[in-house]
Amino acid sequence: MTSDELDGLENQSVGDAVSQQSVETSLVWTPQTIALSILLFIAAGLLEVGGGWLVWQTVREDKNWTYAAAGVIALIGYGFVPCLQPTSDFGRVYAIYGGFFIVLAFAWAKQFDGYLPDLGDLIGAGIALCGVLVIMLWPR
């Protein structure tokens, strides 16, 4: 880096630097990248919720230790799936994933524990998904 470039960085505000970085790492969402991203969020959610549920079964429901072992393996897998996302913005990927996690946690609990989400659960999950869409598809 030249001294002129360093001088330019010194005079640049943090907001300008962040804005410039966002432009440089932006992604054009296409139907294919949206579909891939959603599938990866669902896969990550199933691994995380499923892994957590398996550990829960061992700790809280006195199931065999093999449940926890399988849960730990699933949770390790979950740690790698978000790295496959088409965007490189860590914070944004995990923020978007949070909305998917909420919905998948309720779906898992309904399927495997018979939990019935109430109206507040459903409204909250819907609001989270609306936020996910704004974060994911906002033009940058």
N, C-alpha and C. Protein backbone atom coordinates (compact mmCIF):
# COMPACT_ATOMS: atom_id res chain seq x y z
N MET A 1 0.85 -1.16 0.00
CA MET A 1 0.00 0.00 0.00
C MET A 1 0.90 1.23 0.00
N THR A 2 0.57 2.19 -0.85
CA THR A 2 1.39 3.40 -0.94
C THR A 2 1.04 4.36 0.18
N SER A 3 1.91 5.36 0.37
CA SER A 3 1.66 6.35 1.42
C SER A 3 0.41 7.17 1.11
N ASP A 4 0.14 7.42 -0.17
CA ASP A 4 -1.08 8.15 -0.54
C ASP A 4 -2.32 7.35 -0.15
N GLU A 5 -2.28 6.02 -0.37
CA GLU A 5 -3.42 5.18 0.01
C GLU A 5 -3.60 5.17 1.52
N LEU A 6 -2.49 5.12 2.25
CA LEU A 6 -2.57 5.16 3.71
C LEU A 6 -3.13 6.49 4.20
N ASP A 7 -2.70 7.60 3.57
CA ASP A 7 -3.24 8.91 3.93
C ASP A 7 -4.75 8.95 3.68
N GLY A 8 -5.18 8.36 2.57
CA GLY A 8 -6.60 8.31 2.25
C GLY A 8 -7.39 7.54 3.29
N LEU A 9 -6.80 6.45 3.80
CA LEU A 9 -7.47 5.66 4.83
C LEU A 9 -7.58 6.43 6.14
N GLU A 10 -6.54 7.20 6.47
CA GLU A 10 -6.56 7.98 7.70
C GLU A 10 -7.66 9.03 7.67
N ASN A 11 -7.94 9.58 6.49
CA ASN A 11 -8.95 10.63 6.36
C ASN A 11 -10.36 10.07 6.14
N GLN A 12 -10.47 8.77 6.05
CA GLN A 12 -11.75 8.13 5.77
C GLN A 12 -12.46 7.79 7.08
N SER A 13 -13.75 8.09 7.15
CA SER A 13 -14.50 7.75 8.36
C SER A 13 -14.77 6.25 8.39
N VAL A 14 -15.09 5.76 9.58
CA VAL A 14 -15.43 4.34 9.73
C VAL A 14 -16.64 4.00 8.88
N GLY A 15 -17.64 4.88 8.87
CA GLY A 15 -18.84 4.65 8.07
C GLY A 15 -18.52 4.52 6.59
N ASP A 16 -17.61 5.39 6.09
CA ASP A 16 -17.21 5.31 4.69
C ASP A 16 -16.52 3.99 4.39
N ALA A 17 -15.66 3.56 5.30
CA ALA A 17 -14.94 2.31 5.10
C ALA A 17 -15.90 1.13 5.09
N VAL A 18 -16.86 1.13 6.01
CA VAL A 18 -17.84 0.04 6.05
C VAL A 18 -18.69 0.06 4.80
N SER A 19 -19.10 1.25 4.37
CA SER A 19 -19.92 1.38 3.18
C SER A 19 -19.17 0.88 1.95
N GLN A 20 -17.90 1.24 1.85
CA GLN A 20 -17.08 0.81 0.73
C GLN A 20 -16.92 -0.71 0.75
N GLN A 21 -16.69 -1.28 1.93
CA GLN A 21 -16.53 -2.72 2.04
C GLN A 21 -17.81 -3.44 1.63
N SER A 22 -18.97 -2.91 2.03
CA SER A 22 -20.24 -3.53 1.68
C SER A 22 -20.44 -3.56 0.18
N VAL A 23 -20.06 -2.48 -0.49
CA VAL A 23 -20.20 -2.43 -1.94
C VAL A 23 -19.28 -3.47 -2.58
N GLU A 24 -18.08 -3.60 -2.06
CA GLU A 24 -17.11 -4.53 -2.63
C GLU A 24 -17.51 -5.98 -2.43
N THR A 25 -18.27 -6.29 -1.38
CA THR A 25 -18.62 -7.68 -1.11
C THR A 25 -20.09 -7.97 -1.38
N SER A 26 -20.77 -7.06 -2.11
CA SER A 26 -22.20 -7.26 -2.34
C SER A 26 -22.43 -8.42 -3.30
N LEU A 27 -23.62 -8.96 -3.21
CA LEU A 27 -24.00 -10.12 -4.00
C LEU A 27 -25.26 -9.77 -4.76
N VAL A 28 -25.31 -10.12 -6.01
CA VAL A 28 -26.54 -9.95 -6.79
C VAL A 28 -27.36 -11.23 -6.60
N TRP A 29 -28.52 -11.07 -5.97
CA TRP A 29 -29.37 -12.23 -5.72
C TRP A 29 -30.12 -12.62 -6.99
N THR A 30 -29.99 -13.86 -7.36
CA THR A 30 -30.73 -14.42 -8.49
C THR A 30 -31.64 -15.51 -7.92
N PRO A 31 -32.59 -15.99 -8.70
CA PRO A 31 -33.41 -17.10 -8.19
C PRO A 31 -32.57 -18.30 -7.74
N GLN A 32 -31.47 -18.55 -8.43
CA GLN A 32 -30.61 -19.68 -8.07
C GLN A 32 -29.89 -19.44 -6.74
N THR A 33 -29.34 -18.24 -6.55
CA THR A 33 -28.63 -17.99 -5.29
C THR A 33 -29.60 -17.90 -4.12
N ILE A 34 -30.81 -17.40 -4.37
CA ILE A 34 -31.82 -17.37 -3.30
C ILE A 34 -32.19 -18.78 -2.91
N ALA A 35 -32.45 -19.64 -3.90
CA ALA A 35 -32.81 -21.04 -3.61
C ALA A 35 -31.69 -21.75 -2.87
N LEU A 36 -30.45 -21.58 -3.32
CA LEU A 36 -29.31 -22.20 -2.64
C LEU A 36 -29.20 -21.71 -1.21
N SER A 37 -29.33 -20.41 -1.02
CA SER A 37 -29.21 -19.84 0.31
C SER A 37 -30.29 -20.38 1.24
N ILE A 38 -31.53 -20.43 0.76
CA ILE A 38 -32.63 -20.96 1.58
C ILE A 38 -32.39 -22.42 1.94
N LEU A 39 -31.96 -23.21 0.97
CA LEU A 39 -31.68 -24.63 1.25
C LEU A 39 -30.57 -24.78 2.29
N LEU A 40 -29.55 -23.95 2.19
CA LEU A 40 -28.46 -24.00 3.18
C LEU A 40 -28.94 -23.57 4.56
N PHE A 41 -29.80 -22.56 4.62
CA PHE A 41 -30.35 -22.15 5.92
C PHE A 41 -31.20 -23.26 6.52
N ILE A 42 -31.99 -23.93 5.70
CA ILE A 42 -32.81 -25.04 6.20
C ILE A 42 -31.92 -26.19 6.67
N ALA A 43 -30.89 -26.52 5.89
CA ALA A 43 -29.97 -27.59 6.30
C ALA A 43 -29.29 -27.24 7.61
N ALA A 44 -28.82 -26.00 7.73
CA ALA A 44 -28.17 -25.57 8.98
C ALA A 44 -29.15 -25.66 10.14
N GLY A 45 -30.37 -25.22 9.91
CA GLY A 45 -31.38 -25.25 10.97
C GLY A 45 -31.72 -26.66 11.41
N LEU A 46 -31.86 -27.56 10.45
CA LEU A 46 -32.17 -28.95 10.82
C LEU A 46 -31.02 -29.57 11.61
N LEU A 47 -29.80 -29.26 11.22
CA LEU A 47 -28.65 -29.79 11.98
C LEU A 47 -28.58 -29.18 13.37
N GLU A 48 -28.79 -27.87 13.47
CA GLU A 48 -28.69 -27.23 14.79
C GLU A 48 -29.85 -27.62 15.69
N VAL A 49 -31.07 -27.50 15.20
CA VAL A 49 -32.23 -27.83 16.02
C VAL A 49 -32.25 -29.33 16.33
N GLY A 50 -31.97 -30.14 15.32
CA GLY A 50 -31.94 -31.58 15.53
C GLY A 50 -30.85 -31.99 16.50
N GLY A 51 -29.67 -31.41 16.34
CA GLY A 51 -28.57 -31.72 17.25
C GLY A 51 -28.87 -31.29 18.67
N GLY A 52 -29.40 -30.09 18.81
CA GLY A 52 -29.77 -29.61 20.14
C GLY A 52 -30.86 -30.47 20.77
N TRP A 53 -31.83 -30.89 19.96
CA TRP A 53 -32.92 -31.74 20.45
C TRP A 53 -32.38 -33.09 20.93
N LEU A 54 -31.43 -33.65 20.18
CA LEU A 54 -30.84 -34.94 20.59
C LEU A 54 -30.09 -34.81 21.91
N VAL A 55 -29.34 -33.74 22.08
CA VAL A 55 -28.65 -33.51 23.36
C VAL A 55 -29.69 -33.32 24.46
N TRP A 56 -30.72 -32.56 24.20
CA TRP A 56 -31.81 -32.34 25.15
C TRP A 56 -32.42 -33.67 25.59
N GLN A 57 -32.60 -34.57 24.64
CA GLN A 57 -33.19 -35.87 24.96
C GLN A 57 -32.34 -36.63 25.98
N THR A 58 -31.02 -36.54 25.85
CA THR A 58 -30.14 -37.22 26.79
C THR A 58 -30.17 -36.53 28.15
N VAL A 59 -30.02 -35.23 28.16
CA VAL A 59 -29.89 -34.48 29.41
C VAL A 59 -31.22 -34.35 30.14
N ARG A 60 -32.28 -34.02 29.43
CA ARG A 60 -33.56 -33.72 30.08
C ARG A 60 -34.55 -34.88 30.09
N GLU A 61 -34.43 -35.79 29.13
CA GLU A 61 -35.41 -36.87 29.01
C GLU A 61 -34.82 -38.24 29.32
N ASP A 62 -33.59 -38.26 29.82
CA ASP A 62 -32.91 -39.49 30.23
C ASP A 62 -32.78 -40.54 29.13
N LYS A 63 -32.59 -40.09 27.90
CA LYS A 63 -32.34 -41.03 26.79
C LYS A 63 -30.87 -41.47 26.84
N ASN A 64 -30.58 -42.50 26.09
CA ASN A 64 -29.24 -43.07 26.02
C ASN A 64 -28.23 -42.02 25.55
N TRP A 65 -26.97 -42.16 25.99
CA TRP A 65 -25.91 -41.21 25.64
C TRP A 65 -25.68 -41.13 24.13
N THR A 66 -26.09 -42.15 23.39
CA THR A 66 -25.90 -42.12 21.93
C THR A 66 -26.70 -40.98 21.29
N TYR A 67 -27.81 -40.60 21.92
CA TYR A 67 -28.56 -39.44 21.43
C TYR A 67 -27.67 -38.19 21.48
N ALA A 68 -27.01 -37.99 22.60
CA ALA A 68 -26.14 -36.82 22.75
C ALA A 68 -24.98 -36.88 21.77
N ALA A 69 -24.41 -38.06 21.59
CA ALA A 69 -23.29 -38.20 20.65
C ALA A 69 -23.73 -37.84 19.23
N ALA A 70 -24.90 -38.33 18.84
CA ALA A 70 -25.42 -37.99 17.51
C ALA A 70 -25.71 -36.49 17.43
N GLY A 71 -26.21 -35.92 18.52
CA GLY A 71 -26.48 -34.49 18.56
C GLY A 71 -25.22 -33.66 18.39
N VAL A 72 -24.16 -34.07 19.05
CA VAL A 72 -22.89 -33.34 18.94
C VAL A 72 -22.37 -33.40 17.50
N ILE A 73 -22.48 -34.54 16.87
CA ILE A 73 -22.04 -34.67 15.46
C ILE A 73 -22.87 -33.74 14.57
N ALA A 74 -24.19 -33.72 14.80
CA ALA A 74 -25.05 -32.83 14.01
C ALA A 74 -24.67 -31.37 14.25
N LEU A 75 -24.38 -31.01 15.49
CA LEU A 75 -24.01 -29.63 15.80
C LEU A 75 -22.68 -29.24 15.17
N ILE A 76 -21.76 -30.18 15.09
CA ILE A 76 -20.49 -29.90 14.39
C ILE A 76 -20.78 -29.65 12.92
N GLY A 77 -21.62 -30.48 12.32
CA GLY A 77 -22.00 -30.28 10.92
C GLY A 77 -22.65 -28.93 10.70
N TYR A 78 -23.51 -28.54 11.64
CA TYR A 78 -24.17 -27.24 11.56
C TYR A 78 -23.15 -26.11 11.49
N GLY A 79 -22.07 -26.23 12.22
CA GLY A 79 -21.06 -25.18 12.24
C GLY A 79 -20.43 -24.91 10.89
N PHE A 80 -20.44 -25.89 10.01
CA PHE A 80 -19.81 -25.73 8.70
C PHE A 80 -20.77 -25.27 7.60
N VAL A 81 -22.04 -25.60 7.73
CA VAL A 81 -23.00 -25.31 6.65
C VAL A 81 -23.09 -23.82 6.32
N PRO A 82 -23.16 -22.90 7.30
CA PRO A 82 -23.25 -21.48 6.93
C PRO A 82 -22.06 -20.99 6.10
N CYS A 83 -20.93 -21.65 6.21
CA CYS A 83 -19.75 -21.25 5.43
C CYS A 83 -19.96 -21.46 3.93
N LEU A 84 -20.97 -22.23 3.56
CA LEU A 84 -21.25 -22.50 2.16
C LEU A 84 -22.16 -21.45 1.52
N GLN A 85 -22.62 -20.49 2.32
CA GLN A 85 -23.53 -19.46 1.81
C GLN A 85 -22.85 -18.66 0.70
N PRO A 86 -23.64 -18.19 -0.29
CA PRO A 86 -23.05 -17.46 -1.41
C PRO A 86 -22.55 -16.06 -1.05
N THR A 87 -22.94 -15.53 0.09
CA THR A 87 -22.44 -14.22 0.51
C THR A 87 -21.37 -14.40 1.58
N SER A 88 -20.44 -13.48 1.63
CA SER A 88 -19.32 -13.62 2.56
C SER A 88 -19.48 -12.76 3.81
N ASP A 89 -20.64 -12.17 4.01
CA ASP A 89 -20.86 -11.30 5.16
C ASP A 89 -21.33 -12.12 6.36
N PHE A 90 -20.40 -12.46 7.25
CA PHE A 90 -20.69 -13.33 8.39
C PHE A 90 -21.89 -12.86 9.21
N GLY A 91 -21.87 -11.62 9.62
CA GLY A 91 -22.95 -11.10 10.46
C GLY A 91 -24.30 -11.18 9.79
N ARG A 92 -24.33 -10.83 8.52
CA ARG A 92 -25.60 -10.88 7.78
C ARG A 92 -26.08 -12.31 7.62
N VAL A 93 -25.18 -13.23 7.31
CA VAL A 93 -25.57 -14.64 7.17
C VAL A 93 -26.19 -15.15 8.46
N TYR A 94 -25.56 -14.88 9.58
CA TYR A 94 -26.07 -15.39 10.85
C TYR A 94 -27.34 -14.66 11.30
N ALA A 95 -27.47 -13.39 10.97
CA ALA A 95 -28.71 -12.67 11.29
C ALA A 95 -29.88 -13.25 10.51
N ILE A 96 -29.67 -13.48 9.23
CA ILE A 96 -30.72 -14.08 8.40
C ILE A 96 -31.05 -15.48 8.91
N TYR A 97 -30.02 -16.24 9.23
CA TYR A 97 -30.23 -17.60 9.73
C TYR A 97 -31.09 -17.60 10.99
N GLY A 98 -30.95 -16.59 11.83
CA GLY A 98 -31.72 -16.52 13.07
C GLY A 98 -33.22 -16.61 12.82
N GLY A 99 -33.71 -15.96 11.77
CA GLY A 99 -35.13 -16.05 11.44
C GLY A 99 -35.53 -17.45 11.02
N PHE A 100 -34.68 -18.09 10.23
CA PHE A 100 -34.96 -19.47 9.83
C PHE A 100 -34.96 -20.38 11.06
N PHE A 101 -34.03 -20.13 11.98
CA PHE A 101 -33.93 -20.95 13.19
C PHE A 101 -35.24 -20.90 13.98
N ILE A 102 -35.80 -19.72 14.13
CA ILE A 102 -37.05 -19.58 14.89
C ILE A 102 -38.14 -20.47 14.30
N VAL A 103 -38.34 -20.37 13.00
CA VAL A 103 -39.39 -21.15 12.35
C VAL A 103 -39.10 -22.64 12.43
N LEU A 104 -37.86 -23.03 12.18
CA LEU A 104 -37.50 -24.45 12.22
C LEU A 104 -37.60 -25.03 13.63
N ALA A 105 -37.28 -24.23 14.64
CA ALA A 105 -37.40 -24.72 16.02
C ALA A 105 -38.86 -25.04 16.34
N PHE A 106 -39.78 -24.16 15.95
CA PHE A 106 -41.20 -24.44 16.18
C PHE A 106 -41.66 -25.65 15.38
N ALA A 107 -41.23 -25.75 14.13
CA ALA A 107 -41.64 -26.89 13.29
C ALA A 107 -41.12 -28.20 13.87
N TRP A 108 -39.87 -28.21 14.33
CA TRP A 108 -39.28 -29.41 14.92
C TRP A 108 -40.05 -29.80 16.19
N ALA A 109 -40.30 -28.83 17.05
CA ALA A 109 -41.01 -29.11 18.30
C ALA A 109 -42.41 -29.65 18.04
N LYS A 110 -43.07 -29.12 17.02
CA LYS A 110 -44.41 -29.61 16.67
C LYS A 110 -44.33 -31.05 16.19
N GLN A 111 -43.37 -31.33 15.33
CA GLN A 111 -43.24 -32.66 14.74
C GLN A 111 -42.80 -33.72 15.75
N PHE A 112 -41.83 -33.40 16.58
CA PHE A 112 -41.23 -34.43 17.44
C PHE A 112 -41.67 -34.39 18.89
N ASP A 113 -42.22 -33.26 19.33
CA ASP A 113 -42.66 -33.16 20.73
C ASP A 113 -44.15 -32.86 20.87
N GLY A 114 -44.83 -32.69 19.75
CA GLY A 114 -46.25 -32.39 19.80
C GLY A 114 -46.56 -30.98 20.27
N TYR A 115 -45.57 -30.10 20.25
CA TYR A 115 -45.75 -28.71 20.68
C TYR A 115 -46.60 -27.97 19.66
N LEU A 116 -47.60 -27.25 20.13
CA LEU A 116 -48.43 -26.45 19.23
C LEU A 116 -48.14 -24.97 19.46
N PRO A 117 -47.50 -24.33 18.48
CA PRO A 117 -47.22 -22.90 18.63
C PRO A 117 -48.53 -22.12 18.78
N ASP A 118 -48.53 -21.13 19.66
CA ASP A 118 -49.73 -20.31 19.82
C ASP A 118 -49.66 -19.11 18.87
N LEU A 119 -50.67 -18.27 18.93
CA LEU A 119 -50.74 -17.14 18.02
C LEU A 119 -49.52 -16.22 18.15
N GLY A 120 -49.08 -15.99 19.37
CA GLY A 120 -47.90 -15.15 19.58
C GLY A 120 -46.66 -15.75 18.95
N ASP A 121 -46.52 -17.07 19.06
CA ASP A 121 -45.38 -17.76 18.42
C ASP A 121 -45.42 -17.55 16.91
N LEU A 122 -46.61 -17.73 16.33
CA LEU A 122 -46.75 -17.63 14.87
C LEU A 122 -46.54 -16.20 14.38
N ILE A 123 -47.08 -15.24 15.11
CA ILE A 123 -46.88 -13.84 14.72
C ILE A 123 -45.40 -13.46 14.85
N GLY A 124 -44.78 -13.85 15.94
CA GLY A 124 -43.36 -13.56 16.13
C GLY A 124 -42.50 -14.18 15.04
N ALA A 125 -42.78 -15.44 14.69
CA ALA A 125 -42.03 -16.11 13.62
C ALA A 125 -42.25 -15.40 12.29
N GLY A 126 -43.48 -14.97 12.03
CA GLY A 126 -43.77 -14.24 10.79
C GLY A 126 -43.03 -12.92 10.72
N ILE A 127 -42.99 -12.20 11.83
CA ILE A 127 -42.24 -10.94 11.88
C ILE A 127 -40.75 -11.20 11.63
N ALA A 128 -40.23 -12.26 12.24
CA ALA A 128 -38.81 -12.60 12.05
C ALA A 128 -38.53 -12.89 10.58
N LEU A 129 -39.43 -13.63 9.92
CA LEU A 129 -39.21 -13.94 8.50
C LEU A 129 -39.31 -12.70 7.63
N CYS A 130 -40.18 -11.77 7.98
CA CYS A 130 -40.23 -10.49 7.24
C CYS A 130 -38.90 -9.76 7.39
N GLY A 131 -38.35 -9.75 8.59
CA GLY A 131 -37.05 -9.14 8.82
C GLY A 131 -35.95 -9.82 8.03
N VAL A 132 -36.02 -11.14 7.96
CA VAL A 132 -35.05 -11.92 7.19
C VAL A 132 -35.08 -11.48 5.72
N LEU A 133 -36.28 -11.35 5.16
CA LEU A 133 -36.38 -10.95 3.76
C LEU A 133 -35.81 -9.56 3.52
N VAL A 134 -36.05 -8.64 4.44
CA VAL A 134 -35.49 -7.29 4.29
C VAL A 134 -33.96 -7.36 4.32
N ILE A 135 -33.41 -8.05 5.32
CA ILE A 135 -31.95 -8.14 5.45
C ILE A 135 -31.35 -8.84 4.23
N MET A 136 -31.99 -9.91 3.80
CA MET A 136 -31.43 -10.74 2.72
C MET A 136 -31.49 -10.03 1.36
N LEU A 137 -32.61 -9.38 1.08
CA LEU A 137 -32.83 -8.89 -0.28
C LEU A 137 -32.69 -7.37 -0.44
N TRP A 138 -32.37 -6.68 0.63
CA TRP A 138 -32.21 -5.22 0.54
C TRP A 138 -31.12 -4.89 -0.47
N PRO A 139 -31.40 -3.97 -1.41
CA PRO A 139 -30.37 -3.64 -2.40
C PRO A 139 -29.16 -2.95 -1.75
N ARG A 140 -28.00 -3.47 -2.07
CA ARG A 140 -26.77 -2.91 -1.51
C ARG A 140 -25.82 -2.55 -2.63
